[in-house]
Amino acid sequence: MLAGSRVLVVEDEALIAMSIRAMLTEADGVPVGPASSVREARQLIRDVTVLDAAVLDVNLADGAVTPILEALSARGIPT
């Protein structure tokens, strides 16, 4: 279904993050992450050359997801 699409996973609850990764893998996607903080997510966005989409937790332990949305938007990556 996702046919190799690289999807950033940003979730600070470990079990939920692993469930999302499993669902993406089952749909033939390639999960990137999970990142559990704004800082980790922004680093992955900088470091990973190709990202096709993102699945985001709105409230992370270290703050709101807004800086992540801005970084993804700047690269044209849908969330």
PDB file of N, CA and C in Angstrom:
ATOM      1  N   MET A   1       0.819  -1.187   0.000  1.00  0.00           N
ATOM      2  CA  MET A   1       0.000   0.000   0.000  1.00  0.00           C
ATOM      3  C   MET A   1       0.868   1.258   0.000  1.00  0.00           C
ATOM      4  N   LEU A   2       1.858   1.322   0.882  1.00  0.00           N
ATOM      5  CA  LEU A   2       2.745   2.487   0.926  1.00  0.00           C
ATOM      6  C   LEU A   2       3.954   2.331   0.000  1.00  0.00           C
ATOM      7  N   ALA A   3       4.174   1.134  -0.471  1.00  0.00           N
ATOM      8  CA  ALA A   3       5.183   0.830  -1.489  1.00  0.00           C
ATOM      9  C   ALA A   3       6.514   1.565  -1.325  1.00  0.00           C
ATOM     10  N   GLY A   4       7.169   1.343  -0.185  1.00  0.00           N
ATOM     11  CA  GLY A   4       8.503   1.899   0.033  1.00  0.00           C
ATOM     12  C   GLY A   4       8.549   3.332   0.507  1.00  0.00           C
ATOM     13  N   SER A   5       7.403   3.928   0.780  1.00  0.00           N
ATOM     14  CA  SER A   5       7.389   5.306   1.272  1.00  0.00           C
ATOM     15  C   SER A   5       8.051   5.384   2.635  1.00  0.00           C
ATOM     16  N   ARG A   6       8.930   6.364   2.805  1.00  0.00           N
ATOM     17  CA  ARG A   6       9.643   6.561   4.066  1.00  0.00           C
ATOM     18  C   ARG A   6       8.828   7.517   4.929  1.00  0.00           C
ATOM     19  N   VAL A   7       8.365   7.002   6.089  1.00  0.00           N
ATOM     20  CA  VAL A   7       7.449   7.752   6.948  1.00  0.00           C
ATOM     21  C   VAL A   7       8.093   7.992   8.308  1.00  0.00           C
ATOM     22  N   LEU A   8       8.252   9.253   8.653  1.00  0.00           N
ATOM     23  CA  LEU A   8       8.798   9.636   9.956  1.00  0.00           C
ATOM     24  C   LEU A   8       7.755   9.364  11.037  1.00  0.00           C
ATOM     25  N   VAL A   9       8.172   8.687  12.101  1.00  0.00           N
ATOM     26  CA  VAL A   9       7.299   8.403  13.238  1.00  0.00           C
ATOM     27  C   VAL A   9       7.785   9.220  14.425  1.00  0.00           C
ATOM     28  N   VAL A  10       6.894  10.086  14.937  1.00  0.00           N
ATOM     29  CA  VAL A  10       7.218  10.911  16.103  1.00  0.00           C
ATOM     30  C   VAL A  10       6.177  10.608  17.177  1.00  0.00           C
ATOM     31  N   GLU A  11       6.597   9.895  18.205  1.00  0.00           N
ATOM     32  CA  GLU A  11       5.696   9.452  19.271  1.00  0.00           C
ATOM     33  C   GLU A  11       6.527   9.190  20.523  1.00  0.00           C
ATOM     34  N   ASP A  12       6.088   9.748  21.660  1.00  0.00           N
ATOM     35  CA  ASP A  12       6.866   9.567  22.889  1.00  0.00           C
ATOM     36  C   ASP A  12       6.400   8.403  23.758  1.00  0.00           C
ATOM     37  N   GLU A  13       5.343   7.729  23.370  1.00  0.00           N
ATOM     38  CA  GLU A  13       4.909   6.509  24.062  1.00  0.00           C
ATOM     39  C   GLU A  13       5.478   5.324  23.289  1.00  0.00           C
ATOM     40  N   ALA A  14       6.376   4.567  23.914  1.00  0.00           N
ATOM     41  CA  ALA A  14       7.107   3.506  23.223  1.00  0.00           C
ATOM     42  C   ALA A  14       6.192   2.461  22.583  1.00  0.00           C
ATOM     43  N   LEU A  15       5.175   2.002  23.297  1.00  0.00           N
ATOM     44  CA  LEU A  15       4.299   0.971  22.737  1.00  0.00           C
ATOM     45  C   LEU A  15       3.513   1.478  21.539  1.00  0.00           C
ATOM     46  N   ILE A  16       3.063   2.712  21.609  1.00  0.00           N
ATOM     47  CA  ILE A  16       2.337   3.294  20.478  1.00  0.00           C
ATOM     48  C   ILE A  16       3.285   3.456  19.292  1.00  0.00           C
ATOM     49  N   ALA A  17       4.487   3.930  19.546  1.00  0.00           N
ATOM     50  CA  ALA A  17       5.470   4.099  18.477  1.00  0.00           C
ATOM     51  C   ALA A  17       5.759   2.772  17.788  1.00  0.00           C
ATOM     52  N   MET A  18       5.920   1.723  18.561  1.00  0.00           N
ATOM     53  CA  MET A  18       6.207   0.419  17.966  1.00  0.00           C
ATOM     54  C   MET A  18       5.009  -0.106  17.181  1.00  0.00           C
ATOM     55  N   SER A  19       3.803   0.166  17.646  1.00  0.00           N
ATOM     56  CA  SER A  19       2.593  -0.228  16.906  1.00  0.00           C
ATOM     57  C   SER A  19       2.511   0.501  15.567  1.00  0.00           C
ATOM     58  N   ILE A  20       2.814   1.786  15.580  1.00  0.00           N
ATOM     59  CA  ILE A  20       2.791   2.565  14.336  1.00  0.00           C
ATOM     60  C   ILE A  20       3.832   2.027  13.363  1.00  0.00           C
ATOM     61  N   ARG A  21       5.032   1.751  13.876  1.00  0.00           N
ATOM     62  CA  ARG A  21       6.084   1.186  13.021  1.00  0.00           C
ATOM     63  C   ARG A  21       5.635  -0.133  12.400  1.00  0.00           C
ATOM     64  N   ALA A  22       5.001  -0.982  13.209  1.00  0.00           N
ATOM     65  CA  ALA A  22       4.531  -2.279  12.707  1.00  0.00           C
ATOM     66  C   ALA A  22       3.473  -2.095  11.625  1.00  0.00           C
ATOM     67  N   MET A  23       2.536  -1.170  11.837  1.00  0.00           N
ATOM     68  CA  MET A  23       1.492  -0.916  10.832  1.00  0.00           C
ATOM     69  C   MET A  23       2.099  -0.401   9.529  1.00  0.00           C
ATOM     70  N   LEU A  24       3.069   0.488   9.634  1.00  0.00           N
ATOM     71  CA  LEU A  24       3.718   1.010   8.432  1.00  0.00           C
ATOM     72  C   LEU A  24       4.441  -0.098   7.679  1.00  0.00           C
ATOM     73  N   THR A  25       5.131  -0.950   8.411  1.00  0.00           N
ATOM     74  CA  THR A  25       5.858  -2.065   7.794  1.00  0.00           C
ATOM     75  C   THR A  25       4.894  -3.025   7.111  1.00  0.00           C
ATOM     76  N   GLU A  26       3.773  -3.325   7.774  1.00  0.00           N
ATOM     77  CA  GLU A  26       2.768  -4.213   7.182  1.00  0.00           C
ATOM     78  C   GLU A  26       2.185  -3.630   5.901  1.00  0.00           C
ATOM     79  N   ALA A  27       2.155  -2.307   5.799  1.00  0.00           N
ATOM     80  CA  ALA A  27       1.630  -1.639   4.609  1.00  0.00           C
ATOM     81  C   ALA A  27       2.735  -1.360   3.592  1.00  0.00           C
ATOM     82  N   ASP A  28       3.869  -2.041   3.739  1.00  0.00           N
ATOM     83  CA  ASP A  28       5.018  -1.903   2.847  1.00  0.00           C
ATOM     84  C   ASP A  28       5.701  -0.547   2.911  1.00  0.00           C
ATOM     85  N   GLY A  29       5.487   0.206   3.991  1.00  0.00           N
ATOM     86  CA  GLY A  29       6.183   1.461   4.203  1.00  0.00           C
ATOM     87  C   GLY A  29       7.511   1.231   4.897  1.00  0.00           C
ATOM     88  N   VAL A  30       8.321   2.255   4.945  1.00  0.00           N
ATOM     89  CA  VAL A  30       9.611   2.199   5.621  1.00  0.00           C
ATOM     90  C   VAL A  30       9.574   3.215   6.762  1.00  0.00           C
ATOM     91  N   PRO A  31       9.378   2.731   8.013  1.00  0.00           N
ATOM     92  CA  PRO A  31       9.343   3.669   9.130  1.00  0.00           C
ATOM     93  C   PRO A  31      10.712   4.281   9.394  1.00  0.00           C
ATOM     94  N   VAL A  32      10.716   5.568   9.683  1.00  0.00           N
ATOM     95  CA  VAL A  32      11.931   6.290  10.077  1.00  0.00           C
ATOM     96  C   VAL A  32      11.697   6.740  11.506  1.00  0.00           C
ATOM     97  N   GLY A  33      12.574   6.344  12.401  1.00  0.00           N
ATOM     98  CA  GLY A  33      12.379   6.645  13.821  1.00  0.00           C
ATOM     99  C   GLY A  33      11.925   5.395  14.538  1.00  0.00           C
ATOM    100  N   PRO A  34      11.340   5.535  15.659  1.00  0.00           N
ATOM    101  CA  PRO A  34      10.602   6.698  16.138  1.00  0.00           C
ATOM    102  C   PRO A  34      11.496   7.724  16.838  1.00  0.00           C
ATOM    103  N   ALA A  35      11.053   8.961  16.738  1.00  0.00           N
ATOM    104  CA  ALA A  35      11.639  10.042  17.524  1.00  0.00           C
ATOM    105  C   ALA A  35      10.681  10.279  18.682  1.00  0.00           C
ATOM    106  N   SER A  36      11.224  10.440  19.874  1.00  0.00           N
ATOM    107  CA  SER A  36      10.363  10.614  21.041  1.00  0.00           C
ATOM    108  C   SER A  36      10.361  12.041  21.576  1.00  0.00           C
ATOM    109  N   SER A  37      11.043  12.941  20.876  1.00  0.00           N
ATOM    110  CA  SER A  37      11.088  14.335  21.326  1.00  0.00           C
ATOM    111  C   SER A  37      11.173  15.262  20.118  1.00  0.00           C
ATOM    112  N   VAL A  38      10.894  16.525  20.352  1.00  0.00           N
ATOM    113  CA  VAL A  38      11.014  17.531  19.305  1.00  0.00           C
ATOM    114  C   VAL A  38      12.444  17.567  18.794  1.00  0.00           C
ATOM    115  N   ARG A  39      13.401  17.534  19.705  1.00  0.00           N
ATOM    116  CA  ARG A  39      14.816  17.588  19.331  1.00  0.00           C
ATOM    117  C   ARG A  39      15.195  16.404  18.435  1.00  0.00           C
ATOM    118  N   GLU A  40      14.808  15.199  18.825  1.00  0.00           N
ATOM    119  CA  GLU A  40      15.122  14.006  18.027  1.00  0.00           C
ATOM    120  C   GLU A  40      14.470  14.079  16.647  1.00  0.00           C
ATOM    121  N   ALA A  41      13.226  14.513  16.606  1.00  0.00           N
ATOM    122  CA  ALA A  41      12.507  14.593  15.327  1.00  0.00           C
ATOM    123  C   ALA A  41      13.175  15.590  14.391  1.00  0.00           C
ATOM    124  N   ARG A  42      13.543  16.744  14.909  1.00  0.00           N
ATOM    125  CA  ARG A  42      14.187  17.759  14.066  1.00  0.00           C
ATOM    126  C   ARG A  42      15.534  17.259  13.543  1.00  0.00           C
ATOM    127  N   GLN A  43      16.245  16.493  14.371  1.00  0.00           N
ATOM    128  CA  GLN A  43      17.522  15.919  13.930  1.00  0.00           C
ATOM    129  C   GLN A  43      17.288  14.918  12.794  1.00  0.00           C
ATOM    130  N   LEU A  44      16.285  14.063  12.930  1.00  0.00           N
ATOM    131  CA  LEU A  44      15.981  13.103  11.865  1.00  0.00           C
ATOM    132  C   LEU A  44      15.584  13.818  10.582  1.00  0.00           C
ATOM    133  N   ILE A  45      14.790  14.877  10.701  1.00  0.00           N
ATOM    134  CA  ILE A  45      14.377  15.636   9.517  1.00  0.00           C
ATOM    135  C   ILE A  45      15.598  16.214   8.809  1.00  0.00           C
ATOM    136  N   ARG A  46      16.591  16.676   9.581  1.00  0.00           N
ATOM    137  CA  ARG A  46      17.828  17.207   8.981  1.00  0.00           C
ATOM    138  C   ARG A  46      18.673  16.104   8.356  1.00  0.00           C
ATOM    139  N   ASP A  47      18.744  14.945   9.023  1.00  0.00           N
ATOM    140  CA  ASP A  47      19.675  13.888   8.624  1.00  0.00           C
ATOM    141  C   ASP A  47      19.173  12.958   7.525  1.00  0.00           C
ATOM    142  N   VAL A  48      17.874  12.717   7.483  1.00  0.00           N
ATOM    143  CA  VAL A  48      17.325  11.749   6.528  1.00  0.00           C
ATOM    144  C   VAL A  48      17.057  12.460   5.204  1.00  0.00           C
ATOM    145  N   THR A  49      17.674  11.951   4.153  1.00  0.00           N
ATOM    146  CA  THR A  49      17.580  12.590   2.846  1.00  0.00           C
ATOM    147  C   THR A  49      16.173  12.546   2.278  1.00  0.00           C
ATOM    148  N   VAL A  50      15.526  11.375   2.355  1.00  0.00           N
ATOM    149  CA  VAL A  50      14.195  11.214   1.761  1.00  0.00           C
ATOM    150  C   VAL A  50      13.179  10.882   2.840  1.00  0.00           C
ATOM    151  N   LEU A  51      12.184  11.733   2.961  1.00  0.00           N
ATOM    152  CA  LEU A  51      11.008  11.473   3.793  1.00  0.00           C
ATOM    153  C   LEU A  51       9.793  11.760   2.926  1.00  0.00           C
ATOM    154  N   ASP A  52       8.841  10.831   2.924  1.00  0.00           N
ATOM    155  CA  ASP A  52       7.650  11.003   2.092  1.00  0.00           C
ATOM    156  C   ASP A  52       6.440  11.486   2.880  1.00  0.00           C
ATOM    157  N   ALA A  53       6.429  11.221   4.180  1.00  0.00           N
ATOM    158  CA  ALA A  53       5.293  11.607   5.025  1.00  0.00           C
ATOM    159  C   ALA A  53       5.724  11.491   6.482  1.00  0.00           C
ATOM    160  N   ALA A  54       4.822  11.887   7.377  1.00  0.00           N
ATOM    161  CA  ALA A  54       5.105  11.792   8.807  1.00  0.00           C
ATOM    162  C   ALA A  54       3.828  11.493   9.577  1.00  0.00           C
ATOM    163  N   VAL A  55       3.992  10.740  10.664  1.00  0.00           N
ATOM    164  CA  VAL A  55       2.915  10.477  11.619  1.00  0.00           C
ATOM    165  C   VAL A  55       3.388  11.089  12.924  1.00  0.00           C
ATOM    166  N   LEU A  56       2.617  12.058  13.441  1.00  0.00           N
ATOM    167  CA  LEU A  56       3.085  12.844  14.577  1.00  0.00           C
ATOM    168  C   LEU A  56       2.157  12.767  15.774  1.00  0.00           C
ATOM    169  N   ASP A  57       2.746  12.646  16.956  1.00  0.00           N
ATOM    170  CA  ASP A  57       2.053  12.864  18.216  1.00  0.00           C
ATOM    171  C   ASP A  57       2.013  14.383  18.407  1.00  0.00           C
ATOM    172  N   VAL A  58       0.872  14.923  18.773  1.00  0.00           N
ATOM    173  CA  VAL A  58       0.732  16.378  18.866  1.00  0.00           C
ATOM    174  C   VAL A  58       1.459  16.952  20.073  1.00  0.00           C
ATOM    175  N   ASN A  59       1.410  16.264  21.205  1.00  0.00           N
ATOM    176  CA  ASN A  59       2.055  16.747  22.424  1.00  0.00           C
ATOM    177  C   ASN A  59       3.143  15.771  22.850  1.00  0.00           C
ATOM    178  N   LEU A  60       4.373  16.225  22.751  1.00  0.00           N
ATOM    179  CA  LEU A  60       5.508  15.398  23.155  1.00  0.00           C
ATOM    180  C   LEU A  60       5.972  15.827  24.544  1.00  0.00           C
ATOM    181  N   ALA A  61       6.769  15.003  25.166  1.00  0.00           N
ATOM    182  CA  ALA A  61       7.236  15.291  26.527  1.00  0.00           C
ATOM    183  C   ALA A  61       7.990  16.616  26.618  1.00  0.00           C
ATOM    184  N   ASP A  62       8.707  16.987  25.553  1.00  0.00           N
ATOM    185  CA  ASP A  62       9.486  18.228  25.595  1.00  0.00           C
ATOM    186  C   ASP A  62       8.814  19.393  24.861  1.00  0.00           C
ATOM    187  N   GLY A  63       7.527  19.266  24.549  1.00  0.00           N
ATOM    188  CA  GLY A  63       6.819  20.399  23.969  1.00  0.00           C
ATOM    189  C   GLY A  63       5.863  20.027  22.850  1.00  0.00           C
ATOM    190  N   ALA A  64       5.275  21.059  22.288  1.00  0.00           N
ATOM    191  CA  ALA A  64       4.322  20.889  21.196  1.00  0.00           C
ATOM    192  C   ALA A  64       5.036  20.536  19.902  1.00  0.00           C
ATOM    193  N   VAL A  65       4.296  20.000  18.982  1.00  0.00           N
ATOM    194  CA  VAL A  65       4.819  19.498  17.725  1.00  0.00           C
ATOM    195  C   VAL A  65       5.065  20.614  16.686  1.00  0.00           C
ATOM    196  N   THR A  66       4.737  21.831  17.000  1.00  0.00           N
ATOM    197  CA  THR A  66       4.821  22.949  16.048  1.00  0.00           C
ATOM    198  C   THR A  66       6.179  23.067  15.345  1.00  0.00           C
ATOM    199  N   PRO A  67       7.315  23.018  16.050  1.00  0.00           N
ATOM    200  CA  PRO A  67       8.603  23.124  15.334  1.00  0.00           C
ATOM    201  C   PRO A  67       8.823  21.983  14.341  1.00  0.00           C
ATOM    202  N   ILE A  68       8.281  20.822  14.634  1.00  0.00           N
ATOM    203  CA  ILE A  68       8.411  19.682  13.719  1.00  0.00           C
ATOM    204  C   ILE A  68       7.568  19.941  12.474  1.00  0.00           C
ATOM    205  N   LEU A  69       6.352  20.415  12.678  1.00  0.00           N
ATOM    206  CA  LEU A  69       5.481  20.749  11.543  1.00  0.00           C
ATOM    207  C   LEU A  69       6.125  21.789  10.641  1.00  0.00           C
ATOM    208  N   GLU A  70       6.735  22.789  11.250  1.00  0.00           N
ATOM    209  CA  GLU A  70       7.398  23.836  10.467  1.00  0.00           C
ATOM    210  C   GLU A  70       8.559  23.269   9.652  1.00  0.00           C
ATOM    211  N   ALA A  71       9.369  22.394  10.266  1.00  0.00           N
ATOM    212  CA  ALA A  71      10.504  21.800   9.558  1.00  0.00           C
ATOM    213  C   ALA A  71      10.029  20.897   8.420  1.00  0.00           C
ATOM    214  N   LEU A  72       8.974  20.125   8.649  1.00  0.00           N
ATOM    215  CA  LEU A  72       8.427  19.265   7.605  1.00  0.00           C
ATOM    216  C   LEU A  72       7.830  20.107   6.475  1.00  0.00           C
ATOM    217  N   SER A  73       7.104  21.121   6.838  1.00  0.00           N
ATOM    218  CA  SER A  73       6.492  22.005   5.845  1.00  0.00           C
ATOM    219  C   SER A  73       7.550  22.659   4.957  1.00  0.00           C
ATOM    220  N   ALA A  74       8.651  23.063   5.557  1.00  0.00           N
ATOM    221  CA  ALA A  74       9.742  23.693   4.799  1.00  0.00           C
ATOM    222  C   ALA A  74      10.317  22.749   3.747  1.00  0.00           C
ATOM    223  N   ARG A  75      10.238  21.439   4.028  1.00  0.00           N
ATOM    224  CA  ARG A  75      10.729  20.446   3.063  1.00  0.00           C
ATOM    225  C   ARG A  75       9.620  19.904   2.166  1.00  0.00           C
ATOM    226  N   GLY A  76       8.381  20.365   2.367  1.00  0.00           N
ATOM    227  CA  GLY A  76       7.266  19.903   1.539  1.00  0.00           C
ATOM    228  C   GLY A  76       6.807  18.499   1.867  1.00  0.00           C
ATOM    229  N   ILE A  77       7.001  18.078   3.112  1.00  0.00           N
ATOM    230  CA  ILE A  77       6.643  16.716   3.523  1.00  0.00           C
ATOM    231  C   ILE A  77       5.256  16.738   4.177  1.00  0.00           C
ATOM    232  N   PRO A  78       4.309  15.942   3.650  1.00  0.00           N
ATOM    233  CA  PRO A  78       2.969  15.920   4.234  1.00  0.00           C
ATOM    234  C   PRO A  78       2.932  15.219   5.590  1.00  0.00           C
ATOM    235  N   THR A  79       2.038  15.692   6.452  1.00  0.00           N
ATOM    236  CA  THR A  79       1.868  15.092   7.780  1.00  0.00           C
ATOM    237  C   THR A  79       0.464  14.552   7.922  1.00  0.00           C
TER     238      THR A  79
END
